[in-house]
Amino acid sequence: MKKRFKLVNLDCANCAAKMEDAIKKLDGVNDATVSFMTQKLTLDAEDARFEEILQQAVKVCKKVEPDCTVVL
């Protein structure tokens, strides 16, 4: 399943790159893209575990940039 989410308060391109790398390493993630320019997260993950993987991705975003919010 592939879905796109809006990111609020993503302040730097370096943070976006760190988020993308960390999310790609999560178990069950096929692909992930974090775009600083468009302020969007595109997540492609296993259908059966999508919600669980999404919650892990949200935690990764918070860890890298505490002010950043993923709009679900």
PDB file of N, CA and C in Angstrom:
ATOM      1  N   MET A   1       0.849  -1.167   0.000  1.00  0.00           N
ATOM      2  CA  MET A   1       0.000   0.000   0.000  1.00  0.00           C
ATOM      3  C   MET A   1       0.897   1.234   0.000  1.00  0.00           C
ATOM      4  N   LYS A   2       0.523   2.213  -0.782  1.00  0.00           N
ATOM      5  CA  LYS A   2       1.302   3.442  -0.871  1.00  0.00           C
ATOM      6  C   LYS A   2       0.399   4.625  -0.549  1.00  0.00           C
ATOM      7  N   LYS A   3       0.812   5.428   0.426  1.00  0.00           N
ATOM      8  CA  LYS A   3       0.027   6.604   0.803  1.00  0.00           C
ATOM      9  C   LYS A   3       0.937   7.797   1.000  1.00  0.00           C
ATOM     10  N   ARG A   4       0.345   8.987   0.864  1.00  0.00           N
ATOM     11  CA  ARG A   4       1.093  10.237   1.024  1.00  0.00           C
ATOM     12  C   ARG A   4       0.495  11.015   2.197  1.00  0.00           C
ATOM     13  N   PHE A   5       1.381  11.608   3.004  1.00  0.00           N
ATOM     14  CA  PHE A   5       0.964  12.367   4.184  1.00  0.00           C
ATOM     15  C   PHE A   5       1.638  13.728   4.187  1.00  0.00           C
ATOM     16  N   LYS A   6       0.934  14.726   4.699  1.00  0.00           N
ATOM     17  CA  LYS A   6       1.480  16.076   4.802  1.00  0.00           C
ATOM     18  C   LYS A   6       2.311  16.190   6.074  1.00  0.00           C
ATOM     19  N   LEU A   7       3.439  16.876   5.974  1.00  0.00           N
ATOM     20  CA  LEU A   7       4.288  17.143   7.129  1.00  0.00           C
ATOM     21  C   LEU A   7       4.171  18.616   7.499  1.00  0.00           C
ATOM     22  N   VAL A   8       3.982  18.893   8.780  1.00  0.00           N
ATOM     23  CA  VAL A   8       3.860  20.265   9.256  1.00  0.00           C
ATOM     24  C   VAL A   8       5.085  20.576  10.118  1.00  0.00           C
ATOM     25  N   ASN A   9       5.686  21.743   9.895  1.00  0.00           N
ATOM     26  CA  ASN A   9       6.864  22.211  10.638  1.00  0.00           C
ATOM     27  C   ASN A   9       8.116  21.385  10.379  1.00  0.00           C
ATOM     28  N   LEU A  10       8.279  20.911   9.157  1.00  0.00           N
ATOM     29  CA  LEU A  10       9.536  20.277   8.764  1.00  0.00           C
ATOM     30  C   LEU A  10      10.471  21.414   8.367  1.00  0.00           C
ATOM     31  N   ASP A  11      11.501  21.647   9.190  1.00  0.00           N
ATOM     32  CA  ASP A  11      12.292  22.871   9.053  1.00  0.00           C
ATOM     33  C   ASP A  11      13.567  22.780   8.225  1.00  0.00           C
ATOM     34  N   CYS A  12      14.091  21.572   7.988  1.00  0.00           N
ATOM     35  CA  CYS A  12      15.334  21.537   7.215  1.00  0.00           C
ATOM     36  C   CYS A  12      15.420  20.306   6.321  1.00  0.00           C
ATOM     37  N   ALA A  13      16.114  20.473   5.209  1.00  0.00           N
ATOM     38  CA  ALA A  13      16.262  19.395   4.226  1.00  0.00           C
ATOM     39  C   ALA A  13      17.091  18.252   4.803  1.00  0.00           C
ATOM     40  N   ASN A  14      18.060  18.568   5.643  1.00  0.00           N
ATOM     41  CA  ASN A  14      18.889  17.538   6.262  1.00  0.00           C
ATOM     42  C   ASN A  14      18.043  16.630   7.156  1.00  0.00           C
ATOM     43  N   CYS A  15      17.129  17.228   7.912  1.00  0.00           N
ATOM     44  CA  CYS A  15      16.234  16.445   8.769  1.00  0.00           C
ATOM     45  C   CYS A  15      15.348  15.534   7.912  1.00  0.00           C
ATOM     46  N   ALA A  16      14.882  16.047   6.794  1.00  0.00           N
ATOM     47  CA  ALA A  16      14.048  15.257   5.886  1.00  0.00           C
ATOM     48  C   ALA A  16      14.823  14.041   5.388  1.00  0.00           C
ATOM     49  N   ALA A  17      16.093  14.227   5.050  1.00  0.00           N
ATOM     50  CA  ALA A  17      16.929  13.127   4.575  1.00  0.00           C
ATOM     51  C   ALA A  17      17.145  12.081   5.678  1.00  0.00           C
ATOM     52  N   LYS A  18      17.367  12.545   6.908  1.00  0.00           N
ATOM     53  CA  LYS A  18      17.542  11.634   8.042  1.00  0.00           C
ATOM     54  C   LYS A  18      16.271  10.818   8.283  1.00  0.00           C
ATOM     55  N   MET A  19      15.111  11.484   8.214  1.00  0.00           N
ATOM     56  CA  MET A  19      13.825  10.797   8.389  1.00  0.00           C
ATOM     57  C   MET A  19      13.649   9.723   7.324  1.00  0.00           C
ATOM     58  N   GLU A  20      13.921  10.095   6.077  1.00  0.00           N
ATOM     59  CA  GLU A  20      13.748   9.167   4.959  1.00  0.00           C
ATOM     60  C   GLU A  20      14.624   7.930   5.151  1.00  0.00           C
ATOM     61  N   ASP A  21      15.892   8.127   5.490  1.00  0.00           N
ATOM     62  CA  ASP A  21      16.808   6.997   5.694  1.00  0.00           C
ATOM     63  C   ASP A  21      16.314   6.084   6.813  1.00  0.00           C
ATOM     64  N   ALA A  22      15.892   6.675   7.931  1.00  0.00           N
ATOM     65  CA  ALA A  22      15.439   5.885   9.084  1.00  0.00           C
ATOM     66  C   ALA A  22      14.149   5.123   8.775  1.00  0.00           C
ATOM     67  N   ILE A  23      13.213   5.764   8.074  1.00  0.00           N
ATOM     68  CA  ILE A  23      11.943   5.118   7.733  1.00  0.00           C
ATOM     69  C   ILE A  23      12.175   3.954   6.772  1.00  0.00           C
ATOM     70  N   LYS A  24      13.104   4.124   5.814  1.00  0.00           N
ATOM     71  CA  LYS A  24      13.408   3.053   4.857  1.00  0.00           C
ATOM     72  C   LYS A  24      13.947   1.813   5.560  1.00  0.00           C
ATOM     73  N   LYS A  25      14.579   1.980   6.726  1.00  0.00           N
ATOM     74  CA  LYS A  25      15.164   0.859   7.461  1.00  0.00           C
ATOM     75  C   LYS A  25      14.139   0.109   8.313  1.00  0.00           C
ATOM     76  N   LEU A  26      12.925   0.662   8.471  1.00  0.00           N
ATOM     77  CA  LEU A  26      11.893  -0.004   9.262  1.00  0.00           C
ATOM     78  C   LEU A  26      11.461  -1.301   8.589  1.00  0.00           C
ATOM     79  N   ASP A  27      11.194  -2.321   9.397  1.00  0.00           N
ATOM     80  CA  ASP A  27      10.748  -3.615   8.886  1.00  0.00           C
ATOM     81  C   ASP A  27       9.375  -3.474   8.222  1.00  0.00           C
ATOM     82  N   GLY A  28       9.250  -3.962   6.993  1.00  0.00           N
ATOM     83  CA  GLY A  28       7.973  -3.927   6.290  1.00  0.00           C
ATOM     84  C   GLY A  28       7.835  -2.758   5.322  1.00  0.00           C
ATOM     85  N   VAL A  29       8.802  -1.843   5.326  1.00  0.00           N
ATOM     86  CA  VAL A  29       8.743  -0.683   4.425  1.00  0.00           C
ATOM     87  C   VAL A  29       9.361  -1.074   3.082  1.00  0.00           C
ATOM     88  N   ASN A  30       8.603  -0.888   2.009  1.00  0.00           N
ATOM     89  CA  ASN A  30       9.105  -1.150   0.660  1.00  0.00           C
ATOM     90  C   ASN A  30       9.895   0.051   0.149  1.00  0.00           C
ATOM     91  N   ASP A  31       9.334   1.258   0.391  1.00  0.00           N
ATOM     92  CA  ASP A  31      10.003   2.490  -0.019  1.00  0.00           C
ATOM     93  C   ASP A  31       9.408   3.654   0.762  1.00  0.00           C
ATOM     94  N   ALA A  32      10.207   4.703   0.913  1.00  0.00           N
ATOM     95  CA  ALA A  32       9.736   5.905   1.600  1.00  0.00           C
ATOM     96  C   ALA A  32      10.443   7.114   1.011  1.00  0.00           C
ATOM     97  N   THR A  33       9.709   8.215   0.911  1.00  0.00           N
ATOM     98  CA  THR A  33      10.279   9.465   0.425  1.00  0.00           C
ATOM     99  C   THR A  33       9.796  10.587   1.328  1.00  0.00           C
ATOM    100  N   VAL A  34      10.731  11.400   1.799  1.00  0.00           N
ATOM    101  CA  VAL A  34      10.383  12.582   2.581  1.00  0.00           C
ATOM    102  C   VAL A  34      10.874  13.776   1.782  1.00  0.00           C
ATOM    103  N   SER A  35       9.942  14.597   1.320  1.00  0.00           N
ATOM    104  CA  SER A  35      10.291  15.757   0.505  1.00  0.00           C
ATOM    105  C   SER A  35      10.208  17.036   1.324  1.00  0.00           C
ATOM    106  N   PHE A  36      11.342  17.703   1.466  1.00  0.00           N
ATOM    107  CA  PHE A  36      11.377  18.976   2.183  1.00  0.00           C
ATOM    108  C   PHE A  36      10.645  20.057   1.378  1.00  0.00           C
ATOM    109  N   MET A  37      10.821  20.033   0.062  1.00  0.00           N
ATOM    110  CA  MET A  37      10.212  21.061  -0.796  1.00  0.00           C
ATOM    111  C   MET A  37       8.686  21.035  -0.752  1.00  0.00           C
ATOM    112  N   THR A  38       8.108  19.834  -0.817  1.00  0.00           N
ATOM    113  CA  THR A  38       6.648  19.729  -0.830  1.00  0.00           C
ATOM    114  C   THR A  38       6.061  19.469   0.552  1.00  0.00           C
ATOM    115  N   GLN A  39       6.944  19.223   1.555  1.00  0.00           N
ATOM    116  CA  GLN A  39       6.511  18.921   2.923  1.00  0.00           C
ATOM    117  C   GLN A  39       5.601  17.698   2.949  1.00  0.00           C
ATOM    118  N   LYS A  40       6.034  16.632   2.234  1.00  0.00           N
ATOM    119  CA  LYS A  40       5.222  15.423   2.158  1.00  0.00           C
ATOM    120  C   LYS A  40       6.058  14.176   2.462  1.00  0.00           C
ATOM    121  N   LEU A  41       5.383  13.192   3.063  1.00  0.00           N
ATOM    122  CA  LEU A  41       5.958  11.869   3.297  1.00  0.00           C
ATOM    123  C   LEU A  41       5.178  10.893   2.433  1.00  0.00           C
ATOM    124  N   THR A  42       5.879  10.145   1.584  1.00  0.00           N
ATOM    125  CA  THR A  42       5.251   9.090   0.806  1.00  0.00           C
ATOM    126  C   THR A  42       5.756   7.771   1.370  1.00  0.00           C
ATOM    127  N   LEU A  43       4.824   6.939   1.829  1.00  0.00           N
ATOM    128  CA  LEU A  43       5.174   5.682   2.470  1.00  0.00           C
ATOM    129  C   LEU A  43       4.578   4.511   1.691  1.00  0.00           C
ATOM    130  N   ASP A  44       5.435   3.592   1.299  1.00  0.00           N
ATOM    131  CA  ASP A  44       5.010   2.370   0.606  1.00  0.00           C
ATOM    132  C   ASP A  44       5.406   1.216   1.518  1.00  0.00           C
ATOM    133  N   ALA A  45       4.393   0.536   2.092  1.00  0.00           N
ATOM    134  CA  ALA A  45       4.662  -0.530   3.064  1.00  0.00           C
ATOM    135  C   ALA A  45       3.674  -1.682   2.893  1.00  0.00           C
ATOM    136  N   GLU A  46       3.944  -2.778   3.618  1.00  0.00           N
ATOM    137  CA  GLU A  46       3.080  -3.957   3.576  1.00  0.00           C
ATOM    138  C   GLU A  46       1.642  -3.596   3.952  1.00  0.00           C
ATOM    139  N   ASP A  47       0.689  -4.073   3.148  1.00  0.00           N
ATOM    140  CA  ASP A  47      -0.725  -3.773   3.392  1.00  0.00           C
ATOM    141  C   ASP A  47      -1.188  -4.228   4.772  1.00  0.00           C
ATOM    142  N   ALA A  48      -0.837  -5.442   5.143  1.00  0.00           N
ATOM    143  CA  ALA A  48      -1.341  -6.041   6.382  1.00  0.00           C
ATOM    144  C   ALA A  48      -0.875  -5.296   7.631  1.00  0.00           C
ATOM    145  N   ARG A  49       0.301  -4.682   7.567  1.00  0.00           N
ATOM    146  CA  ARG A  49       0.871  -4.007   8.745  1.00  0.00           C
ATOM    147  C   ARG A  49       0.991  -2.501   8.547  1.00  0.00           C
ATOM    148  N   PHE A  50       0.259  -1.942   7.593  1.00  0.00           N
ATOM    149  CA  PHE A  50       0.466  -0.536   7.230  1.00  0.00           C
ATOM    150  C   PHE A  50       0.306   0.422   8.413  1.00  0.00           C
ATOM    151  N   GLU A  51      -0.762   0.252   9.198  1.00  0.00           N
ATOM    152  CA  GLU A  51      -1.010   1.163  10.332  1.00  0.00           C
ATOM    153  C   GLU A  51       0.121   1.104  11.359  1.00  0.00           C
ATOM    154  N   GLU A  52       0.578  -0.120  11.652  1.00  0.00           N
ATOM    155  CA  GLU A  52       1.675  -0.312  12.616  1.00  0.00           C
ATOM    156  C   GLU A  52       2.962   0.359  12.111  1.00  0.00           C
ATOM    157  N   ILE A  53       3.267   0.162  10.834  1.00  0.00           N
ATOM    158  CA  ILE A  53       4.469   0.745  10.231  1.00  0.00           C
ATOM    159  C   ILE A  53       4.352   2.262  10.188  1.00  0.00           C
ATOM    160  N   LEU A  54       3.158   2.772   9.895  1.00  0.00           N
ATOM    161  CA  LEU A  54       2.934   4.214   9.867  1.00  0.00           C
ATOM    162  C   LEU A  54       3.213   4.833  11.238  1.00  0.00           C
ATOM    163  N   GLN A  55       2.764   4.181  12.302  1.00  0.00           N
ATOM    164  CA  GLN A  55       3.006   4.692  13.661  1.00  0.00           C
ATOM    165  C   GLN A  55       4.503   4.726  13.971  1.00  0.00           C
ATOM    166  N   GLN A  56       5.231   3.722  13.516  1.00  0.00           N
ATOM    167  CA  GLN A  56       6.688   3.705  13.701  1.00  0.00           C
ATOM    168  C   GLN A  56       7.331   4.856  12.929  1.00  0.00           C
ATOM    169  N   ALA A  57       6.834   5.116  11.723  1.00  0.00           N
ATOM    170  CA  ALA A  57       7.364   6.209  10.901  1.00  0.00           C
ATOM    171  C   ALA A  57       7.111   7.558  11.566  1.00  0.00           C
ATOM    172  N   VAL A  58       5.938   7.720  12.171  1.00  0.00           N
ATOM    173  CA  VAL A  58       5.607   8.962  12.887  1.00  0.00           C
ATOM    174  C   VAL A  58       6.583   9.162  14.049  1.00  0.00           C
ATOM    175  N   LYS A  59       6.893   8.073  14.774  1.00  0.00           N
ATOM    176  CA  LYS A  59       7.843   8.157  15.891  1.00  0.00           C
ATOM    177  C   LYS A  59       9.227   8.572  15.403  1.00  0.00           C
ATOM    178  N   VAL A  60       9.634   8.041  14.254  1.00  0.00           N
ATOM    179  CA  VAL A  60      10.935   8.403  13.672  1.00  0.00           C
ATOM    180  C   VAL A  60      10.975   9.896  13.369  1.00  0.00           C
ATOM    181  N   CYS A  61       9.898  10.412  12.776  1.00  0.00           N
ATOM    182  CA  CYS A  61       9.831  11.838  12.446  1.00  0.00           C
ATOM    183  C   CYS A  61       9.940  12.689  13.706  1.00  0.00           C
ATOM    184  N   LYS A  62       9.234  12.302  14.761  1.00  0.00           N
ATOM    185  CA  LYS A  62       9.274  13.040  16.030  1.00  0.00           C
ATOM    186  C   LYS A  62      10.665  13.013  16.655  1.00  0.00           C
ATOM    187  N   LYS A  63      11.361  11.868  16.499  1.00  0.00           N
ATOM    188  CA  LYS A  63      12.688  11.726  17.095  1.00  0.00           C
ATOM    189  C   LYS A  63      13.701  12.634  16.381  1.00  0.00           C
ATOM    190  N   VAL A  64      13.615  12.674  15.048  1.00  0.00           N
ATOM    191  CA  VAL A  64      14.553  13.491  14.261  1.00  0.00           C
ATOM    192  C   VAL A  64      14.235  14.976  14.436  1.00  0.00           C
ATOM    193  N   GLU A  65      12.963  15.324  14.342  1.00  0.00           N
ATOM    194  CA  GLU A  65      12.551  16.731  14.490  1.00  0.00           C
ATOM    195  C   GLU A  65      11.284  16.797  15.351  1.00  0.00           C
ATOM    196  N   PRO A  66      11.455  17.068  16.664  1.00  0.00           N
ATOM    197  CA  PRO A  66      10.325  17.049  17.592  1.00  0.00           C
ATOM    198  C   PRO A  66       9.145  17.955  17.226  1.00  0.00           C
ATOM    199  N   ASP A  67       9.405  19.057  16.512  1.00  0.00           N
ATOM    200  CA  ASP A  67       8.327  19.980  16.143  1.00  0.00           C
ATOM    201  C   ASP A  67       7.519  19.514  14.942  1.00  0.00           C
ATOM    202  N   CYS A  68       8.042  18.542  14.205  1.00  0.00           N
ATOM    203  CA  CYS A  68       7.384  18.081  12.985  1.00  0.00           C
ATOM    204  C   CYS A  68       6.186  17.189  13.298  1.00  0.00           C
ATOM    205  N   THR A  69       5.088  17.427  12.610  1.00  0.00           N
ATOM    206  CA  THR A  69       3.859  16.643  12.789  1.00  0.00           C
ATOM    207  C   THR A  69       3.465  16.001  11.469  1.00  0.00           C
ATOM    208  N   VAL A  70       3.081  14.730  11.522  1.00  0.00           N
ATOM    209  CA  VAL A  70       2.582  14.029  10.333  1.00  0.00           C
ATOM    210  C   VAL A  70       1.068  14.107  10.374  1.00  0.00           C
ATOM    211  N   VAL A  71       0.460  14.700   9.359  1.00  0.00           N
ATOM    212  CA  VAL A  71      -1.001  14.823   9.313  1.00  0.00           C
ATOM    213  C   VAL A  71      -1.572  13.548   8.709  1.00  0.00           C
ATOM    214  N   LEU A  72      -2.312  12.786   9.534  1.00  0.00           N
ATOM    215  CA  LEU A  72      -2.841  11.497   9.087  1.00  0.00           C
ATOM    216  C   LEU A  72      -4.212  11.633   8.473  1.00  0.00           C
TER     217      LEU A  72
END
